Amino acid sequence: MKKFLVVCTALSLLCLPGVAQEYVREAEADNAGRSVGLSIIPRFDLNYDGDFTLGDSSLYSLFEGSLSDNLSFSICNHWLASDAETISALYQNTFRSDDVNWLDWANLTYSFGSFSVTLGKQALTFGGFEFDAYDFEAYSFLGSSAWNDLQVYQWGAKFDWTNESENTTLSLQATSSPFGEHPFSSKLFNYALEWRGEYGSFRNIWSAVAMETEAGSYLPLLSFGQEFDLNDNVTLGLDIYNIVGDEEEIAMKGLTMIPSLIWKPCESVQLRGRLGGEINRVTKNKDLIVGFDAHWYPIKDNEDLRLHLATGYHHDLRLCTLNIGVLYYLNFPRS
């Protein structure tokens, strides 16, 4: 019954677009140079892993735009999840930095020349291509333990430099630490350096983070994400981290390696296989996650509607999972 009520609540919230679209129109009318957009993103999954559940069903929103030629903003909200317990946690954790809550990020970015400064709640610059994807597009049962356990949305500041060719971006970031219960008042911080590049068929997201676990004590986090296009249809990927996730310690010393293969047989279909291996250097535990997902975008030249199927095997849990679902971007204003 609780899960049924969650779905009903999600559907009722979809009535908001009319109000939201009017707000966007008024905002743009106030200033001809302003560009804003709102996306409401419902996702419905049916998941089987021995029991039937709603999987990664959720309701998110993205509100983004430019307030001037130099000033932009981005806000991502996580309104609903697949079960009542998680929904309750979203709103009880509003002022916490060690767990997820209804506000993934909310920040302002000021750009000047080749530089930009971002202030507010933002994603920690860590995790390669696995962390780079939106949470509402991912599959939690296929994600690494680091992706599932490390809370990367933190309050802080980020400084970016992009070269003239716009294929290289270097970033410096300072944020609150997920090892503290509350941002800033816990007086625990992260310091990060990141290099993003796109050089022909090769792309990389490499980062180094000093994460403060207690006063004056830091856990080094390294991640190396890379993708290489073999041709227009096939992409090879590899994410490497020097940590594994842990529900009690958030992050522990270890090794995570996630090779992947993406094949796009046509513009409307994407198939991906991945193999995640993990070694916890503290507990000596080893794990393996094998997964496959398929995406179909039935609307021609438009990826707003996604039908998906995913399956995987989690060796540590001795668990097979099958997931089917639909995700839709309700965009305002509509093109």
Protein backbone atom coordinates (compact mmCIF):
# COMPACT_ATOMS: atom_id res chain seq x y z
CA MET A 1 0.00 0.00 0.00
CA LYS A 2 2.85 2.42 0.82
CA LYS A 3 4.44 1.84 -2.57
CA PHE A 4 1.08 2.40 -4.27
CA LEU A 5 0.69 5.72 -2.45
CA VAL A 6 4.18 6.77 -3.50
CA VAL A 7 3.32 6.19 -7.17
CA CYS A 8 0.01 8.06 -6.82
CA THR A 9 1.81 11.00 -5.23
CA ALA A 10 4.34 11.04 -8.06
CA LEU A 11 1.58 11.09 -10.67
CA SER A 12 -0.25 13.91 -8.90
CA LEU A 13 2.91 16.01 -8.89
CA LEU A 14 2.97 15.81 -12.67
CA CYS A 15 0.14 18.34 -12.62
CA LEU A 16 2.74 20.97 -11.70
CA PRO A 17 4.09 21.56 -15.24
CA GLY A 18 1.35 24.04 -16.13
CA VAL A 19 2.27 26.25 -13.19
CA ALA A 20 5.98 25.73 -13.79
CA GLN A 21 5.74 26.64 -17.47
CA GLU A 22 3.93 29.89 -16.66
CA TYR A 23 6.68 30.73 -14.15
CA VAL A 24 9.38 30.17 -16.78
CA ARG A 25 7.53 32.34 -19.31
CA GLU A 26 7.22 35.18 -16.80
CA ALA A 27 10.89 34.91 -15.89
CA GLU A 28 11.94 35.16 -19.53
CA ALA A 29 9.56 38.06 -20.14
CA ASP A 30 11.20 40.07 -17.35
CA ASN A 31 14.55 40.05 -19.16
CA ALA A 32 15.02 39.35 -22.86
CA GLY A 33 18.60 38.21 -22.21
CA ARG A 34 17.55 35.60 -19.71
CA SER A 35 17.23 31.93 -20.62
CA VAL A 36 15.67 29.45 -18.20
CA GLY A 37 14.29 25.95 -18.47
CA LEU A 38 12.57 23.46 -16.22
CA SER A 39 12.54 19.67 -16.59
CA ILE A 40 10.35 17.41 -14.47
CA ILE A 41 11.64 13.85 -14.67
CA PRO A 42 9.45 10.95 -13.54
CA ARG A 43 10.81 7.42 -13.70
CA PHE A 44 8.85 4.22 -13.16
CA ASP A 45 10.58 0.85 -12.75
CA LEU A 46 9.42 -2.69 -12.12
CA ASN A 47 12.24 -4.67 -10.54
CA TYR A 48 12.58 -8.38 -9.71
CA ASP A 49 15.37 -9.77 -7.50
CA GLY A 50 13.45 -12.56 -5.80
CA ASP A 51 10.75 -10.05 -4.88
CA PHE A 52 8.93 -7.50 -7.00
CA THR A 53 9.80 -3.89 -6.12
CA LEU A 54 9.64 -0.45 -7.76
CA GLY A 55 13.41 -0.47 -8.26
CA ASP A 56 14.80 3.02 -9.00
CA SER A 57 11.39 4.66 -9.50
CA SER A 58 11.70 8.35 -8.64
CA LEU A 59 10.66 11.91 -9.33
CA TYR A 60 13.28 14.59 -9.96
CA SER A 61 13.33 18.12 -11.34
CA LEU A 62 16.03 20.20 -13.03
CA PHE A 63 15.77 24.00 -13.07
CA GLU A 64 18.62 25.63 -15.00
CA GLY A 65 19.36 28.77 -16.93
CA SER A 66 21.27 32.00 -17.43
CA LEU A 67 20.51 35.13 -15.44
CA SER A 68 22.89 37.20 -17.56
CA ASP A 69 25.71 36.72 -20.06
CA ASN A 70 28.02 35.74 -17.20
CA LEU A 71 25.78 34.34 -14.45
CA SER A 72 24.02 30.97 -14.61
CA PHE A 73 22.33 28.66 -12.11
CA SER A 74 21.47 24.97 -11.71
CA ILE A 75 19.10 23.31 -9.22
CA CYS A 76 18.34 19.58 -9.03
CA ASN A 77 15.68 18.27 -6.66
CA HIS A 78 14.95 14.66 -5.68
CA TRP A 79 11.28 14.69 -4.68
CA LEU A 80 10.22 11.04 -4.52
CA ALA A 81 11.80 7.59 -4.35
CA SER A 82 10.55 4.03 -4.70
CA ASP A 83 9.60 3.45 -1.06
CA ALA A 84 8.21 5.45 1.84
CA GLU A 85 11.28 4.91 4.03
CA THR A 86 13.60 6.51 1.48
CA ILE A 87 11.18 9.39 0.92
CA SER A 88 11.13 10.04 4.66
CA ALA A 89 14.95 10.06 4.73
CA LEU A 90 15.08 12.59 1.88
CA TYR A 91 13.24 15.17 3.96
CA GLN A 92 14.65 14.28 7.37
CA ASN A 93 18.21 14.72 6.03
CA THR A 94 17.74 18.27 4.74
CA PHE A 95 20.65 19.77 6.68
CA ARG A 96 22.96 16.75 6.62
CA SER A 97 26.11 16.24 4.57
CA ASP A 98 26.54 12.50 5.19
CA ASP A 99 23.41 11.31 3.39
CA VAL A 100 21.16 12.16 0.46
CA ASN A 101 18.26 14.60 0.77
CA TRP A 102 15.68 16.30 -1.44
CA LEU A 103 18.21 18.87 -2.72
CA ASP A 104 20.94 17.26 -4.81
CA TRP A 105 22.49 20.56 -5.83
CA ALA A 106 21.76 24.29 -6.06
CA ASN A 107 24.50 26.59 -7.27
CA LEU A 108 25.43 29.77 -9.12
CA THR A 109 28.25 29.98 -11.69
CA TYR A 110 29.97 33.22 -12.71
CA SER A 111 31.98 32.95 -15.95
CA PHE A 112 34.63 35.40 -17.15
CA GLY A 113 36.78 34.63 -20.16
CA SER A 114 38.29 31.16 -19.80
CA PHE A 115 37.45 30.99 -16.08
CA SER A 116 34.37 30.28 -13.99
CA VAL A 117 33.53 30.14 -10.28
CA THR A 118 30.69 28.01 -8.89
CA LEU A 119 29.27 28.54 -5.40
CA GLY A 120 26.66 26.46 -3.57
CA LYS A 121 25.76 22.81 -3.29
CA GLN A 122 27.44 20.79 -6.05
CA ALA A 123 28.77 17.37 -7.00
CA LEU A 124 32.18 16.43 -5.70
CA THR A 125 34.71 16.21 -8.55
CA PHE A 126 35.26 12.48 -8.22
CA GLY A 127 34.21 9.25 -9.86
CA GLY A 128 34.90 9.14 -13.58
CA PHE A 129 32.06 8.50 -16.01
CA GLU A 130 30.01 6.39 -13.61
CA PHE A 131 29.49 9.40 -11.31
CA ASP A 132 29.16 11.81 -14.24
CA ALA A 133 25.74 10.47 -15.28
CA TYR A 134 22.55 11.78 -13.66
CA ASP A 135 21.39 9.66 -10.71
CA PHE A 136 17.89 9.31 -12.17
CA GLU A 137 19.31 7.77 -15.35
CA ALA A 138 21.43 5.16 -13.53
CA TYR A 139 20.76 1.70 -12.07
CA SER A 140 21.63 1.42 -8.38
CA PHE A 141 21.98 -2.38 -8.50
CA LEU A 142 24.62 -2.04 -11.25
CA GLY A 143 26.47 0.79 -9.52
CA SER A 144 29.74 0.35 -7.65
CA SER A 145 29.73 0.36 -3.85
CA ALA A 146 31.42 3.79 -4.00
CA TRP A 147 28.58 5.14 -6.16
CA ASN A 148 25.96 3.73 -3.78
CA ASP A 149 27.55 4.70 -0.45
CA LEU A 150 29.57 7.90 -0.95
CA GLN A 151 27.51 11.08 -0.61
CA VAL A 152 29.02 13.36 -3.27
CA TYR A 153 26.60 16.31 -3.11
CA GLN A 154 28.29 18.86 -0.87
CA TRP A 155 28.35 22.61 -0.19
CA GLY A 156 31.37 24.57 -1.33
CA ALA A 157 33.15 26.38 -4.16
CA LYS A 158 34.74 25.35 -7.46
CA PHE A 159 37.13 27.19 -9.79
CA ASP A 160 37.38 26.10 -13.46
CA TRP A 161 39.70 26.98 -16.33
CA THR A 162 38.93 25.93 -19.92
CA ASN A 163 41.37 26.35 -22.81
CA GLU A 164 40.53 28.19 -26.04
CA SER A 165 39.83 24.92 -27.89
CA GLU A 166 37.33 24.00 -25.13
CA ASN A 167 38.65 20.44 -25.01
CA THR A 168 40.46 20.74 -21.66
CA THR A 169 39.05 21.86 -18.30
CA LEU A 170 41.03 21.99 -15.05
CA SER A 171 39.18 22.43 -11.75
CA LEU A 172 39.96 23.20 -8.13
CA GLN A 173 37.25 22.56 -5.54
CA ALA A 174 36.74 22.90 -1.79
CA THR A 175 33.59 21.46 -0.16
CA SER A 176 32.21 20.05 3.05
CA SER A 177 33.06 16.39 3.76
CA PRO A 178 30.53 13.52 3.84
CA PHE A 179 32.31 12.28 6.96
CA GLY A 180 30.74 15.20 8.83
CA GLU A 181 27.08 15.11 9.83
CA HIS A 182 26.38 18.72 8.88
CA PRO A 183 28.08 20.95 6.29
CA PHE A 184 30.64 23.38 7.72
CA SER A 185 29.52 22.99 11.36
CA SER A 186 31.28 19.63 11.43
CA LYS A 187 34.47 21.44 10.26
CA LEU A 188 35.46 18.61 7.94
CA PHE A 189 36.30 19.44 4.31
CA ASN A 190 37.29 18.03 0.90
CA TYR A 191 39.90 19.49 -1.42
CA ALA A 192 39.81 18.30 -5.04
CA LEU A 193 41.64 18.67 -8.35
CA GLU A 194 40.14 17.49 -11.64
CA TRP A 195 41.15 17.26 -15.31
CA ARG A 196 38.48 16.77 -17.96
CA GLY A 197 39.48 16.33 -21.58
CA GLU A 198 38.06 15.46 -24.97
CA TYR A 199 40.68 14.73 -27.61
CA GLY A 200 39.24 13.24 -30.76
CA SER A 201 38.04 9.73 -29.95
CA PHE A 202 39.40 9.87 -26.38
CA ARG A 203 37.73 11.43 -23.31
CA ASN A 204 38.92 11.50 -19.72
CA ILE A 205 37.77 12.56 -16.25
CA TRP A 206 40.66 12.25 -13.80
CA SER A 207 40.55 13.57 -10.24
CA ALA A 208 42.35 13.58 -6.90
CA VAL A 209 40.56 14.37 -3.63
CA ALA A 210 41.77 14.85 -0.07
CA MET A 211 38.69 13.91 2.01
CA GLU A 212 38.83 14.85 5.69
CA THR A 213 37.57 11.91 7.76
CA GLU A 214 38.26 13.50 11.14
CA ALA A 215 40.02 16.69 12.25
CA GLY A 216 43.39 16.80 10.49
CA SER A 217 43.10 13.28 9.01
CA TYR A 218 42.53 12.81 5.27
CA LEU A 219 41.60 9.90 3.02
CA PRO A 220 43.10 10.23 -0.49
CA LEU A 221 40.62 9.51 -3.29
CA LEU A 222 41.85 8.94 -6.82
CA SER A 223 39.65 8.27 -9.83
CA PHE A 224 40.54 7.75 -13.47
CA GLY A 225 37.69 7.65 -15.96
CA GLN A 226 38.27 7.26 -19.68
CA GLU A 227 36.27 6.48 -22.79
CA PHE A 228 37.46 5.67 -26.30
CA ASP A 229 35.33 5.55 -29.44
CA LEU A 230 36.32 2.63 -31.64
CA ASN A 231 33.94 4.02 -34.28
CA ASP A 232 30.64 5.91 -34.47
CA ASN A 233 28.79 2.99 -32.86
CA VAL A 234 31.13 1.40 -30.30
CA THR A 235 32.69 2.97 -27.18
CA LEU A 236 35.05 1.37 -24.67
CA GLY A 237 35.08 2.69 -21.10
CA LEU A 238 37.11 2.15 -17.94
CA ASP A 239 36.63 3.75 -14.51
CA ILE A 240 39.21 3.12 -11.77
CA TYR A 241 38.98 4.25 -8.11
CA ASN A 242 41.33 3.65 -5.20
CA ILE A 243 38.40 3.20 -2.80
CA VAL A 244 35.32 1.06 -2.28
CA GLY A 245 32.08 2.13 -0.66
CA ASP A 246 31.00 1.05 2.80
CA GLU A 247 27.71 1.73 4.57
CA GLU A 248 29.41 2.29 7.95
CA GLU A 249 32.59 4.13 6.91
CA ILE A 250 31.24 5.74 3.69
CA ALA A 251 34.54 5.06 1.90
CA MET A 252 37.42 2.69 2.57
CA LYS A 253 40.79 1.99 0.96
CA GLY A 254 40.45 -0.43 -1.91
CA LEU A 255 40.35 -0.83 -5.66
CA THR A 256 37.38 -0.50 -7.99
CA MET A 257 37.65 -1.22 -11.72
CA ILE A 258 34.70 -0.91 -14.11
CA PRO A 259 35.35 -1.77 -17.76
CA SER A 260 32.39 -1.22 -20.07
CA LEU A 261 31.33 -1.56 -23.70
CA ILE A 262 28.65 0.62 -25.30
CA TRP A 263 27.14 -0.25 -28.69
CA LYS A 264 24.68 1.96 -30.56
CA PRO A 265 23.33 -0.09 -33.48
CA CYS A 266 21.13 2.86 -34.47
CA GLU A 267 20.27 6.35 -33.22
CA SER A 268 17.33 5.16 -31.10
CA VAL A 269 18.99 2.20 -29.35
CA GLN A 270 21.92 1.91 -26.94
CA LEU A 271 23.25 -1.34 -25.45
CA ARG A 272 25.84 -1.45 -22.66
CA GLY A 273 27.67 -4.23 -20.88
CA ARG A 274 29.81 -3.66 -17.81
CA LEU A 275 31.92 -5.64 -15.36
CA GLY A 276 32.69 -4.16 -11.94
CA GLY A 277 35.42 -5.65 -9.77
CA GLU A 278 36.09 -4.46 -6.21
CA ILE A 279 38.70 -5.26 -3.55
CA ASN A 280 38.35 -3.87 -0.03
CA ARG A 281 41.92 -3.52 1.31
CA VAL A 282 40.67 -3.19 4.90
CA THR A 283 38.23 -6.12 5.15
CA LYS A 284 39.91 -8.12 2.32
CA ASN A 285 36.47 -8.65 0.80
CA LYS A 286 36.25 -9.08 -2.99
CA ASP A 287 33.19 -8.48 -5.10
CA LEU A 288 32.07 -8.69 -8.71
CA ILE A 289 29.09 -7.06 -10.43
CA VAL A 290 28.18 -8.07 -13.98
CA GLY A 291 25.55 -6.02 -15.74
CA PHE A 292 23.78 -5.22 -18.99
CA ASP A 293 21.32 -2.45 -19.89
CA ALA A 294 19.43 -1.52 -23.05
CA HIS A 295 17.84 1.86 -23.84
CA TRP A 296 15.29 2.58 -26.55
CA TYR A 297 14.25 6.12 -27.48
CA PRO A 298 11.03 5.63 -29.50
CA ILE A 299 10.54 9.30 -30.47
CA LYS A 300 12.56 10.12 -33.59
CA ASP A 301 15.43 12.60 -33.03
CA ASN A 302 14.40 13.01 -29.39
CA GLU A 303 15.72 11.37 -26.22
CA ASP A 304 13.13 12.78 -23.80
CA LEU A 305 11.37 9.41 -23.58
CA ARG A 306 13.49 6.39 -22.62
CA LEU A 307 12.32 2.79 -22.31
CA HIS A 308 14.88 0.64 -20.55
CA LEU A 309 15.73 -2.90 -19.57
CA ALA A 310 18.61 -3.85 -17.28
CA THR A 311 19.84 -6.99 -15.63
CA GLY A 312 22.80 -7.88 -13.45
CA TYR A 313 24.44 -10.34 -11.10
CA HIS A 314 25.94 -9.31 -7.76
CA HIS A 315 28.43 -11.98 -6.68
CA ASP A 316 28.78 -10.87 -3.05
CA LEU A 317 25.01 -10.97 -2.53
CA ARG A 318 24.49 -14.01 -4.78
CA LEU A 319 21.71 -11.97 -6.36
CA CYS A 320 20.31 -11.67 -9.89
CA THR A 321 18.21 -8.64 -10.77
CA LEU A 322 15.93 -7.80 -13.70
CA ASN A 323 14.57 -4.30 -14.26
CA ILE A 324 12.23 -2.79 -16.86
CA GLY A 325 11.01 0.78 -16.84
CA VAL A 326 10.38 4.14 -18.45
CA LEU A 327 11.89 7.59 -17.90
CA TYR A 328 10.56 10.83 -19.34
CA TYR A 329 11.79 14.44 -19.47
CA LEU A 330 8.91 16.91 -19.31
CA ASN A 331 10.66 20.04 -20.58
CA PHE A 332 9.38 23.62 -20.23
CA PRO A 333 9.24 25.72 -22.23
CA ARG A 334 8.58 23.16 -24.93
CA SER A 335 10.35 23.51 -28.27
